[in-house]
PDB file of N, CA and C in Angstrom:
ATOM      1  N   MET A   1     -11.250   8.457   6.124  1.00  0.00           N
ATOM      2  CA  MET A   1     -10.710   7.108   6.055  1.00  0.00           C
ATOM      3  C   MET A   1      -9.196   7.207   6.237  1.00  0.00           C
ATOM      4  N   PRO A   2      -8.599   6.338   7.049  1.00  0.00           N
ATOM      5  CA  PRO A   2      -7.148   6.373   7.256  1.00  0.00           C
ATOM      6  C   PRO A   2      -6.367   6.102   5.970  1.00  0.00           C
ATOM      7  N   SER A   3      -5.203   6.722   5.890  1.00  0.00           N
ATOM      8  CA  SER A   3      -4.310   6.543   4.743  1.00  0.00           C
ATOM      9  C   SER A   3      -3.090   5.732   5.148  1.00  0.00           C
ATOM     10  N   TYR A   4      -2.532   5.032   4.192  1.00  0.00           N
ATOM     11  CA  TYR A   4      -1.382   4.167   4.426  1.00  0.00           C
ATOM     12  C   TYR A   4      -0.395   4.311   3.272  1.00  0.00           C
ATOM     13  N   VAL A   5       0.863   4.152   3.582  1.00  0.00           N
ATOM     14  CA  VAL A   5       1.922   4.122   2.582  1.00  0.00           C
ATOM     15  C   VAL A   5       2.455   2.697   2.552  1.00  0.00           C
ATOM     16  N   MET A   6       2.508   2.113   1.375  1.00  0.00           N
ATOM     17  CA  MET A   6       3.030   0.761   1.209  1.00  0.00           C
ATOM     18  C   MET A   6       4.330   0.843   0.416  1.00  0.00           C
ATOM     19  N   LEU A   7       5.396   0.351   1.001  1.00  0.00           N
ATOM     20  CA  LEU A   7       6.690   0.249   0.335  1.00  0.00           C
ATOM     21  C   LEU A   7       6.866  -1.213  -0.046  1.00  0.00           C
ATOM     22  N   ALA A   8       7.186  -1.485  -1.289  1.00  0.00           N
ATOM     23  CA  ALA A   8       7.257  -2.878  -1.740  1.00  0.00           C
ATOM     24  C   ALA A   8       8.544  -3.159  -2.495  1.00  0.00           C
ATOM     25  N   ASN A   9       8.982  -4.388  -2.348  1.00  0.00           N
ATOM     26  CA  ASN A   9      10.114  -4.914  -3.117  1.00  0.00           C
ATOM     27  C   ASN A   9       9.672  -6.187  -3.806  1.00  0.00           C
ATOM     28  N   TRP A  10      10.091  -6.317  -5.070  1.00  0.00           N
ATOM     29  CA  TRP A  10       9.758  -7.524  -5.816  1.00  0.00           C
ATOM     30  C   TRP A  10      10.520  -8.718  -5.249  1.00  0.00           C
ATOM     31  N   THR A  11       9.877  -9.846  -5.218  1.00  0.00           N
ATOM     32  CA  THR A  11      10.556 -11.104  -4.922  1.00  0.00           C
ATOM     33  C   THR A  11      11.112 -11.637  -6.236  1.00  0.00           C
ATOM     34  N   ASP A  12      11.888 -12.712  -6.163  1.00  0.00           N
ATOM     35  CA  ASP A  12      12.373 -13.343  -7.395  1.00  0.00           C
ATOM     36  C   ASP A  12      11.201 -13.749  -8.282  1.00  0.00           C
ATOM     37  N   GLN A  13      10.163 -14.295  -7.669  1.00  0.00           N
ATOM     38  CA  GLN A  13       8.960 -14.686  -8.414  1.00  0.00           C
ATOM     39  C   GLN A  13       8.332 -13.483  -9.095  1.00  0.00           C
ATOM     40  N   GLY A  14       8.235 -12.363  -8.397  1.00  0.00           N
ATOM     41  CA  GLY A  14       7.643 -11.154  -8.962  1.00  0.00           C
ATOM     42  C   GLY A  14       8.409 -10.640 -10.167  1.00  0.00           C
ATOM     43  N   VAL A  15       9.730 -10.735 -10.115  1.00  0.00           N
ATOM     44  CA  VAL A  15      10.556 -10.294 -11.244  1.00  0.00           C
ATOM     45  C   VAL A  15      10.411 -11.268 -12.414  1.00  0.00           C
ATOM     46  N   ARG A  16      10.408 -12.565 -12.126  1.00  0.00           N
ATOM     47  CA  ARG A  16      10.249 -13.560 -13.205  1.00  0.00           C
ATOM     48  C   ARG A  16       8.930 -13.362 -13.950  1.00  0.00           C
ATOM     49  N   ASN A  17       7.904 -12.923 -13.221  1.00  0.00           N
ATOM     50  CA  ASN A  17       6.577 -12.754 -13.809  1.00  0.00           C
ATOM     51  C   ASN A  17       6.254 -11.287 -14.094  1.00  0.00           C
ATOM     52  N   VAL A  18       7.254 -10.492 -14.413  1.00  0.00           N
ATOM     53  CA  VAL A  18       7.063  -9.053 -14.611  1.00  0.00           C
ATOM     54  C   VAL A  18       6.058  -8.745 -15.725  1.00  0.00           C
ATOM     55  N   ALA A  19       5.930  -9.602 -16.698  1.00  0.00           N
ATOM     56  CA  ALA A  19       4.977  -9.361 -17.784  1.00  0.00           C
ATOM     57  C   ALA A  19       3.536  -9.313 -17.266  1.00  0.00           C
ATOM     58  N   ASP A  20       3.285  -9.946 -16.133  1.00  0.00           N
ATOM     59  CA  ASP A  20       1.950  -9.960 -15.539  1.00  0.00           C
ATOM     60  C   ASP A  20       1.691  -8.749 -14.639  1.00  0.00           C
ATOM     61  N   LEU A  21       2.654  -7.853 -14.530  1.00  0.00           N
ATOM     62  CA  LEU A  21       2.546  -6.737 -13.595  1.00  0.00           C
ATOM     63  C   LEU A  21       1.278  -5.897 -13.766  1.00  0.00           C
ATOM     64  N   PRO A  22       0.917  -5.477 -14.982  1.00  0.00           N
ATOM     65  CA  PRO A  22      -0.314  -4.686 -15.105  1.00  0.00           C
ATOM     66  C   PRO A  22      -1.547  -5.420 -14.557  1.00  0.00           C
ATOM     67  N   LYS A  23      -1.632  -6.701 -14.826  1.00  0.00           N
ATOM     68  CA  LYS A  23      -2.750  -7.508 -14.327  1.00  0.00           C
ATOM     69  C   LYS A  23      -2.702  -7.603 -12.802  1.00  0.00           C
ATOM     70  N   ARG A  24      -1.506  -7.770 -12.245  1.00  0.00           N
ATOM     71  CA  ARG A  24      -1.377  -7.860 -10.783  1.00  0.00           C
ATOM     72  C   ARG A  24      -1.773  -6.551 -10.128  1.00  0.00           C
ATOM     73  N   ILE A  25      -1.400  -5.428 -10.727  1.00  0.00           N
ATOM     74  CA  ILE A  25      -1.792  -4.126 -10.177  1.00  0.00           C
ATOM     75  C   ILE A  25      -3.311  -3.986 -10.206  1.00  0.00           C
ATOM     76  N   ASP A  26      -3.933  -4.326 -11.315  1.00  0.00           N
ATOM     77  CA  ASP A  26      -5.397  -4.248 -11.418  1.00  0.00           C
ATOM     78  C   ASP A  26      -6.065  -5.134 -10.374  1.00  0.00           C
ATOM     79  N   ASN A  27      -5.533  -6.333 -10.181  1.00  0.00           N
ATOM     80  CA  ASN A  27      -6.098  -7.246  -9.182  1.00  0.00           C
ATOM     81  C   ASN A  27      -5.946  -6.699  -7.772  1.00  0.00           C
ATOM     82  N   ALA A  28      -4.801  -6.080  -7.478  1.00  0.00           N
ATOM     83  CA  ALA A  28      -4.583  -5.501  -6.147  1.00  0.00           C
ATOM     84  C   ALA A  28      -5.556  -4.349  -5.906  1.00  0.00           C
ATOM     85  N   LYS A  29      -5.763  -3.513  -6.914  1.00  0.00           N
ATOM     86  CA  LYS A  29      -6.708  -2.401  -6.773  1.00  0.00           C
ATOM     87  C   LYS A  29      -8.126  -2.918  -6.535  1.00  0.00           C
ATOM     88  N   LYS A  30      -8.508  -3.978  -7.240  1.00  0.00           N
ATOM     89  CA  LYS A  30      -9.840  -4.554  -7.058  1.00  0.00           C
ATOM     90  C   LYS A  30      -9.967  -5.176  -5.673  1.00  0.00           C
ATOM     91  N   LEU A  31      -8.938  -5.883  -5.239  1.00  0.00           N
ATOM     92  CA  LEU A  31      -8.955  -6.489  -3.905  1.00  0.00           C
ATOM     93  C   LEU A  31      -9.177  -5.425  -2.841  1.00  0.00           C
ATOM     94  N   LEU A  32      -8.438  -4.333  -2.923  1.00  0.00           N
ATOM     95  CA  LEU A  32      -8.582  -3.254  -1.949  1.00  0.00           C
ATOM     96  C   LEU A  32      -9.975  -2.625  -2.042  1.00  0.00           C
ATOM     97  N   ALA A  33     -10.460  -2.390  -3.250  1.00  0.00           N
ATOM     98  CA  ALA A  33     -11.797  -1.806  -3.420  1.00  0.00           C
ATOM     99  C   ALA A  33     -12.872  -2.712  -2.832  1.00  0.00           C
ATOM    100  N   ASP A  34     -12.723  -4.023  -3.010  1.00  0.00           N
ATOM    101  CA  ASP A  34     -13.684  -4.977  -2.453  1.00  0.00           C
ATOM    102  C   ASP A  34     -13.692  -4.944  -0.934  1.00  0.00           C
ATOM    103  N   MET A  35     -12.599  -4.459  -0.322  1.00  0.00           N
ATOM    104  CA  MET A  35     -12.500  -4.332   1.130  1.00  0.00           C
ATOM    105  C   MET A  35     -12.930  -2.949   1.611  1.00  0.00           C
ATOM    106  N   GLY A  36     -13.361  -2.108   0.668  1.00  0.00           N
ATOM    107  CA  GLY A  36     -13.818  -0.778   1.034  1.00  0.00           C
ATOM    108  C   GLY A  36     -12.761   0.305   0.961  1.00  0.00           C
ATOM    109  N   GLY A  37     -11.602  -0.012   0.381  1.00  0.00           N
ATOM    110  CA  GLY A  37     -10.517   0.964   0.285  1.00  0.00           C
ATOM    111  C   GLY A  37     -10.292   1.411  -1.147  1.00  0.00           C
ATOM    112  N   GLN A  38      -9.254   2.226  -1.332  1.00  0.00           N
ATOM    113  CA  GLN A  38      -8.916   2.673  -2.678  1.00  0.00           C
ATOM    114  C   GLN A  38      -7.470   3.156  -2.725  1.00  0.00           C
ATOM    115  N   PHE A  39      -6.849   2.941  -3.873  1.00  0.00           N
ATOM    116  CA  PHE A  39      -5.502   3.469  -4.105  1.00  0.00           C
ATOM    117  C   PHE A  39      -5.609   4.936  -4.482  1.00  0.00           C
ATOM    118  N   ASN A  40      -4.731   5.750  -3.915  1.00  0.00           N
ATOM    119  CA  ASN A  40      -4.627   7.156  -4.306  1.00  0.00           C
ATOM    120  C   ASN A  40      -3.534   7.339  -5.340  1.00  0.00           C
ATOM    121  N   SER A  41      -2.444   6.595  -5.185  1.00  0.00           N
ATOM    122  CA  SER A  41      -1.372   6.658  -6.177  1.00  0.00           C
ATOM    123  C   SER A  41      -0.493   5.423  -6.042  1.00  0.00           C
ATOM    124  N   LEU A  42       0.184   5.120  -7.131  1.00  0.00           N
ATOM    125  CA  LEU A  42       1.091   3.979  -7.188  1.00  0.00           C
ATOM    126  C   LEU A  42       2.265   4.391  -8.061  1.00  0.00           C
ATOM    127  N   HIS A  43       3.479   4.193  -7.561  1.00  0.00           N
ATOM    128  CA  HIS A  43       4.673   4.643  -8.284  1.00  0.00           C
ATOM    129  C   HIS A  43       5.743   3.565  -8.288  1.00  0.00           C
ATOM    130  N   ALA A  44       6.344   3.329  -9.438  1.00  0.00           N
ATOM    131  CA  ALA A  44       7.567   2.538  -9.507  1.00  0.00           C
ATOM    132  C   ALA A  44       8.693   3.456  -9.050  1.00  0.00           C
ATOM    133  N   THR A  45       9.612   2.927  -8.258  1.00  0.00           N
ATOM    134  CA  THR A  45      10.695   3.749  -7.730  1.00  0.00           C
ATOM    135  C   THR A  45      12.030   3.065  -7.939  1.00  0.00           C
ATOM    136  N   MET A  46      13.077   3.873  -7.886  1.00  0.00           N
ATOM    137  CA  MET A  46      14.442   3.353  -7.966  1.00  0.00           C
ATOM    138  C   MET A  46      15.086   3.617  -6.618  1.00  0.00           C
ATOM    139  N   GLY A  47      15.847   2.677  -6.137  1.00  0.00           N
ATOM    140  CA  GLY A  47      16.476   2.828  -4.835  1.00  0.00           C
ATOM    141  C   GLY A  47      16.133   1.651  -3.947  1.00  0.00           C
ATOM    142  N   GLU A  48      15.929   1.918  -2.674  1.00  0.00           N
ATOM    143  CA  GLU A  48      15.711   0.856  -1.692  1.00  0.00           C
ATOM    144  C   GLU A  48      14.423   0.068  -1.942  1.00  0.00           C
ATOM    145  N   TYR A  49      13.395   0.729  -2.499  1.00  0.00           N
ATOM    146  CA  TYR A  49      12.112   0.075  -2.758  1.00  0.00           C
ATOM    147  C   TYR A  49      11.799   0.120  -4.242  1.00  0.00           C
ATOM    148  N   ASP A  50      11.055  -0.893  -4.700  1.00  0.00           N
ATOM    149  CA  ASP A  50      10.694  -0.992  -6.107  1.00  0.00           C
ATOM    150  C   ASP A  50       9.367  -0.306  -6.422  1.00  0.00           C
ATOM    151  N   LEU A  51       8.532  -0.150  -5.406  1.00  0.00           N
ATOM    152  CA  LEU A  51       7.182   0.366  -5.614  1.00  0.00           C
ATOM    153  C   LEU A  51       6.731   1.093  -4.354  1.00  0.00           C
ATOM    154  N   VAL A  52       6.030   2.205  -4.535  1.00  0.00           N
ATOM    155  CA  VAL A  52       5.422   2.936  -3.422  1.00  0.00           C
ATOM    156  C   VAL A  52       3.960   3.154  -3.771  1.00  0.00           C
ATOM    157  N   GLY A  53       3.083   2.741  -2.874  1.00  0.00           N
ATOM    158  CA  GLY A  53       1.657   2.951  -3.057  1.00  0.00           C
ATOM    159  C   GLY A  53       1.093   3.725  -1.886  1.00  0.00           C
ATOM    160  N   ILE A  54       0.173   4.613  -2.162  1.00  0.00           N
ATOM    161  CA  ILE A  54      -0.542   5.338  -1.118  1.00  0.00           C
ATOM    162  C   ILE A  54      -2.010   4.985  -1.293  1.00  0.00           C
ATOM    163  N   TYR A  55      -2.620   4.499  -0.212  1.00  0.00           N
ATOM    164  CA  TYR A  55      -4.003   4.051  -0.310  1.00  0.00           C
ATOM    165  C   TYR A  55      -4.761   4.360   0.962  1.00  0.00           C
ATOM    166  N   ASP A  56      -6.080   4.337   0.847  1.00  0.00           N
ATOM    167  CA  ASP A  56      -6.969   4.505   1.985  1.00  0.00           C
ATOM    168  C   ASP A  56      -7.637   3.170   2.259  1.00  0.00           C
ATOM    169  N   ALA A  57      -7.862   2.890   3.537  1.00  0.00           N
ATOM    170  CA  ALA A  57      -8.577   1.690   3.947  1.00  0.00           C
ATOM    171  C   ALA A  57      -9.484   2.064   5.111  1.00  0.00           C
ATOM    172  N   PRO A  58     -10.583   1.342   5.301  1.00  0.00           N
ATOM    173  CA  PRO A  58     -11.510   1.688   6.369  1.00  0.00           C
ATOM    174  C   PRO A  58     -10.888   1.683   7.771  1.00  0.00           C
ATOM    175  N   ASP A  59      -9.914   0.797   7.996  1.00  0.00           N
ATOM    176  CA  ASP A  59      -9.273   0.736   9.309  1.00  0.00           C
ATOM    177  C   ASP A  59      -7.974  -0.067   9.214  1.00  0.00           C
ATOM    178  N   ASP A  60      -7.257  -0.136  10.329  1.00  0.00           N
ATOM    179  CA  ASP A  60      -5.966  -0.827  10.355  1.00  0.00           C
ATOM    180  C   ASP A  60      -6.102  -2.315  10.040  1.00  0.00           C
ATOM    181  N   ALA A  61      -7.189  -2.935  10.481  1.00  0.00           N
ATOM    182  CA  ALA A  61      -7.375  -4.370  10.231  1.00  0.00           C
ATOM    183  C   ALA A  61      -7.496  -4.646   8.735  1.00  0.00           C
ATOM    184  N   VAL A  62      -8.216  -3.801   8.025  1.00  0.00           N
ATOM    185  CA  VAL A  62      -8.355  -3.968   6.578  1.00  0.00           C
ATOM    186  C   VAL A  62      -7.006  -3.744   5.901  1.00  0.00           C
ATOM    187  N   ALA A  63      -6.272  -2.727   6.332  1.00  0.00           N
ATOM    188  CA  ALA A  63      -4.952  -2.460   5.751  1.00  0.00           C
ATOM    189  C   ALA A  63      -4.027  -3.652   5.959  1.00  0.00           C
ATOM    190  N   LEU A  64      -4.043  -4.235   7.143  1.00  0.00           N
ATOM    191  CA  LEU A  64      -3.191  -5.395   7.421  1.00  0.00           C
ATOM    192  C   LEU A  64      -3.626  -6.600   6.589  1.00  0.00           C
ATOM    193  N   ARG A  65      -4.919  -6.853   6.530  1.00  0.00           N
ATOM    194  CA  ARG A  65      -5.419  -7.983   5.733  1.00  0.00           C
ATOM    195  C   ARG A  65      -5.026  -7.806   4.266  1.00  0.00           C
ATOM    196  N   PHE A  66      -5.163  -6.583   3.748  1.00  0.00           N
ATOM    197  CA  PHE A  66      -4.817  -6.308   2.351  1.00  0.00           C
ATOM    198  C   PHE A  66      -3.347  -6.616   2.083  1.00  0.00           C
ATOM    199  N   THR A  67      -2.441  -6.093   2.906  1.00  0.00           N
ATOM    200  CA  THR A  67      -1.020  -6.330   2.649  1.00  0.00           C
ATOM    201  C   THR A  67      -0.646  -7.795   2.842  1.00  0.00           C
ATOM    202  N   MET A  68      -1.274  -8.463   3.803  1.00  0.00           N
ATOM    203  CA  MET A  68      -0.985  -9.884   3.995  1.00  0.00           C
ATOM    204  C   MET A  68      -1.455 -10.707   2.800  1.00  0.00           C
ATOM    205  N   MET A  69      -2.609 -10.347   2.254  1.00  0.00           N
ATOM    206  CA  MET A  69      -3.114 -11.068   1.087  1.00  0.00           C
ATOM    207  C   MET A  69      -2.215 -10.840  -0.125  1.00  0.00           C
ATOM    208  N   LEU A  70      -1.696  -9.623  -0.270  1.00  0.00           N
ATOM    209  CA  LEU A  70      -0.749  -9.363  -1.356  1.00  0.00           C
ATOM    210  C   LEU A  70       0.517 -10.196  -1.187  1.00  0.00           C
ATOM    211  N   GLN A  71       1.052 -10.206   0.018  1.00  0.00           N
ATOM    212  CA  GLN A  71       2.297 -10.941   0.260  1.00  0.00           C
ATOM    213  C   GLN A  71       2.109 -12.441   0.081  1.00  0.00           C
ATOM    214  N   LYS A  72       0.930 -12.929   0.409  1.00  0.00           N
ATOM    215  CA  LYS A  72       0.638 -14.357   0.252  1.00  0.00           C
ATOM    216  C   LYS A  72       0.790 -14.812  -1.196  1.00  0.00           C
ATOM    217  N   LEU A  73       0.584 -13.891  -2.150  1.00  0.00           N
ATOM    218  CA  LEU A  73       0.720 -14.224  -3.567  1.00  0.00           C
ATOM    219  C   LEU A  73       2.172 -14.463  -3.964  1.00  0.00           C
ATOM    220  N   GLY A  74       3.117 -13.918  -3.189  1.00  0.00           N
ATOM    221  CA  GLY A  74       4.531 -14.220  -3.387  1.00  0.00           C
ATOM    222  C   GLY A  74       5.286 -13.343  -4.371  1.00  0.00           C
ATOM    223  N   ASN A  75       4.657 -12.285  -4.891  1.00  0.00           N
ATOM    224  CA  ASN A  75       5.338 -11.446  -5.878  1.00  0.00           C
ATOM    225  C   ASN A  75       6.061 -10.249  -5.271  1.00  0.00           C
ATOM    226  N   ALA A  76       5.713  -9.882  -4.047  1.00  0.00           N
ATOM    227  CA  ALA A  76       6.326  -8.718  -3.405  1.00  0.00           C
ATOM    228  C   ALA A  76       6.303  -8.874  -1.893  1.00  0.00           C
ATOM    229  N   ARG A  77       7.231  -8.208  -1.252  1.00  0.00           N
ATOM    230  CA  ARG A  77       7.258  -8.079   0.204  1.00  0.00           C
ATOM    231  C   ARG A  77       7.019  -6.614   0.504  1.00  0.00           C
ATOM    232  N   THR A  78       6.190  -6.344   1.496  1.00  0.00           N
ATOM    233  CA  THR A  78       5.803  -4.961   1.757  1.00  0.00           C
ATOM    234  C   THR A  78       6.169  -4.511   3.162  1.00  0.00           C
ATOM    235  N   THR A  79       6.318  -3.206   3.285  1.00  0.00           N
ATOM    236  CA  THR A  79       6.415  -2.516   4.566  1.00  0.00           C
ATOM    237  C   THR A  79       5.312  -1.481   4.560  1.00  0.00           C
ATOM    238  N   SER A  80       4.536  -1.409   5.625  1.00  0.00           N
ATOM    239  CA  SER A  80       3.403  -0.494   5.668  1.00  0.00           C
ATOM    240  C   SER A  80       3.605   0.594   6.698  1.00  0.00           C
ATOM    241  N   LEU A  81       3.146   1.779   6.361  1.00  0.00           N
ATOM    242  CA  LEU A  81       3.214   2.932   7.254  1.00  0.00           C
ATOM    243  C   LEU A  81       1.834   3.556   7.317  1.00  0.00           C
ATOM    244  N   LYS A  82       1.356   3.843   8.525  1.00  0.00           N
ATOM    245  CA  LYS A  82       0.106   4.591   8.637  1.00  0.00           C
ATOM    246  C   LYS A  82       0.449   6.057   8.449  1.00  0.00           C
ATOM    247  N   ALA A  83      -0.322   6.737   7.630  1.00  0.00           N
ATOM    248  CA  ALA A  83      -0.036   8.135   7.292  1.00  0.00           C
ATOM    249  C   ALA A  83      -1.094   9.053   7.905  1.00  0.00           C
ATOM    250  N   PHE A  84      -0.636  10.186   8.404  1.00  0.00           N
ATOM    251  CA  PHE A  84      -1.526  11.193   8.966  1.00  0.00           C
ATOM    252  C   PHE A  84      -1.497  12.415   8.060  1.00  0.00           C
ATOM    253  N   PRO A  85      -2.660  12.900   7.605  1.00  0.00           N
ATOM    254  CA  PRO A  85      -2.671  14.076   6.739  1.00  0.00           C
ATOM    255  C   PRO A  85      -2.230  15.327   7.502  1.00  0.00           C
ATOM    256  N   GLU A  86      -1.869  16.338   6.752  1.00  0.00           N
ATOM    257  CA  GLU A  86      -1.379  17.573   7.367  1.00  0.00           C
ATOM    258  C   GLU A  86      -2.374  18.145   8.369  1.00  0.00           C
ATOM    259  N   THR A  87      -3.660  18.098   8.054  1.00  0.00           N
ATOM    260  CA  THR A  87      -4.651  18.655   8.982  1.00  0.00           C
ATOM    261  C   THR A  87      -4.626  17.925  10.321  1.00  0.00           C
ATOM    262  N   ALA A  88      -4.492  16.613  10.294  1.00  0.00           N
ATOM    263  CA  ALA A  88      -4.405  15.843  11.535  1.00  0.00           C
ATOM    264  C   ALA A  88      -3.112  16.172  12.275  1.00  0.00           C
ATOM    265  N   LEU A  89      -2.015  16.301  11.552  1.00  0.00           N
ATOM    266  CA  LEU A  89      -0.751  16.641  12.172  1.00  0.00           C
ATOM    267  C   LEU A  89      -0.860  17.975  12.893  1.00  0.00           C
ATOM    268  N   ARG A  90      -1.473  18.959  12.254  1.00  0.00           N
ATOM    269  CA  ARG A  90      -1.628  20.275  12.880  1.00  0.00           C
ATOM    270  C   ARG A  90      -2.461  20.179  14.154  1.00  0.00           C
ATOM    271  N   GLU A  91      -3.508  19.390  14.146  1.00  0.00           N
ATOM    272  CA  GLU A  91      -4.334  19.222  15.340  1.00  0.00           C
ATOM    273  C   GLU A  91      -3.579  18.521  16.463  1.00  0.00           C
ATOM    274  N   ILE A  92      -2.790  17.532  16.109  1.00  0.00           N
ATOM    275  CA  ILE A  92      -1.996  16.816  17.103  1.00  0.00           C
ATOM    276  C   ILE A  92      -0.985  17.767  17.745  1.00  0.00           C
ATOM    277  N   VAL A  93      -0.285  18.525  16.928  1.00  0.00           N
ATOM    278  CA  VAL A  93       0.695  19.479  17.448  1.00  0.00           C
ATOM    279  C   VAL A  93       0.013  20.536  18.312  1.00  0.00           C
ATOM    280  N   LYS A  94      -1.128  21.008  17.858  1.00  0.00           N
ATOM    281  CA  LYS A  94      -1.889  22.009  18.601  1.00  0.00           C
ATOM    282  C   LYS A  94      -2.274  21.490  19.979  1.00  0.00           C
ATOM    283  N   SER A  95      -2.629  20.208  20.072  1.00  0.00           N
ATOM    284  CA  SER A  95      -3.048  19.631  21.351  1.00  0.00           C
ATOM    285  C   SER A  95      -1.893  19.468  22.336  1.00  0.00           C
ATOM    286  N   ILE A  96      -0.660  19.481  21.822  1.00  0.00           N
ATOM    287  CA  ILE A  96       0.514  19.352  22.679  1.00  0.00           C
ATOM    288  C   ILE A  96       0.763  20.652  23.437  1.00  0.00           C
ATOM    289  N   GLY A  97       0.478  21.748  22.775  1.00  0.00           N
ATOM    290  CA  GLY A  97       0.611  23.042  23.431  1.00  0.00           C
ATOM    291  C   GLY A  97       1.854  23.791  23.126  1.00  0.00           C
TER     292      GLY A  97
END
């Protein structure tokens, strides 16, 4: 299953409702699971982004739908990156020659 990295920043609404954060995280995990995906890790970060999540989804369409549904709630804005595991990277490099 493809992996994705989600970089997120809280919106003003997300910060105002910070007490609801544990519930929002649980809801996001359930939403992704209902789409056939799963979170591998979730981290609060300091710096340019407030949160980094690594998750698997069945395909790019599911990953896009998931992040759009999260953003629609208005608590965070996300940037998504498709991630390639080391084994895939080695195969890609090997095919280059």
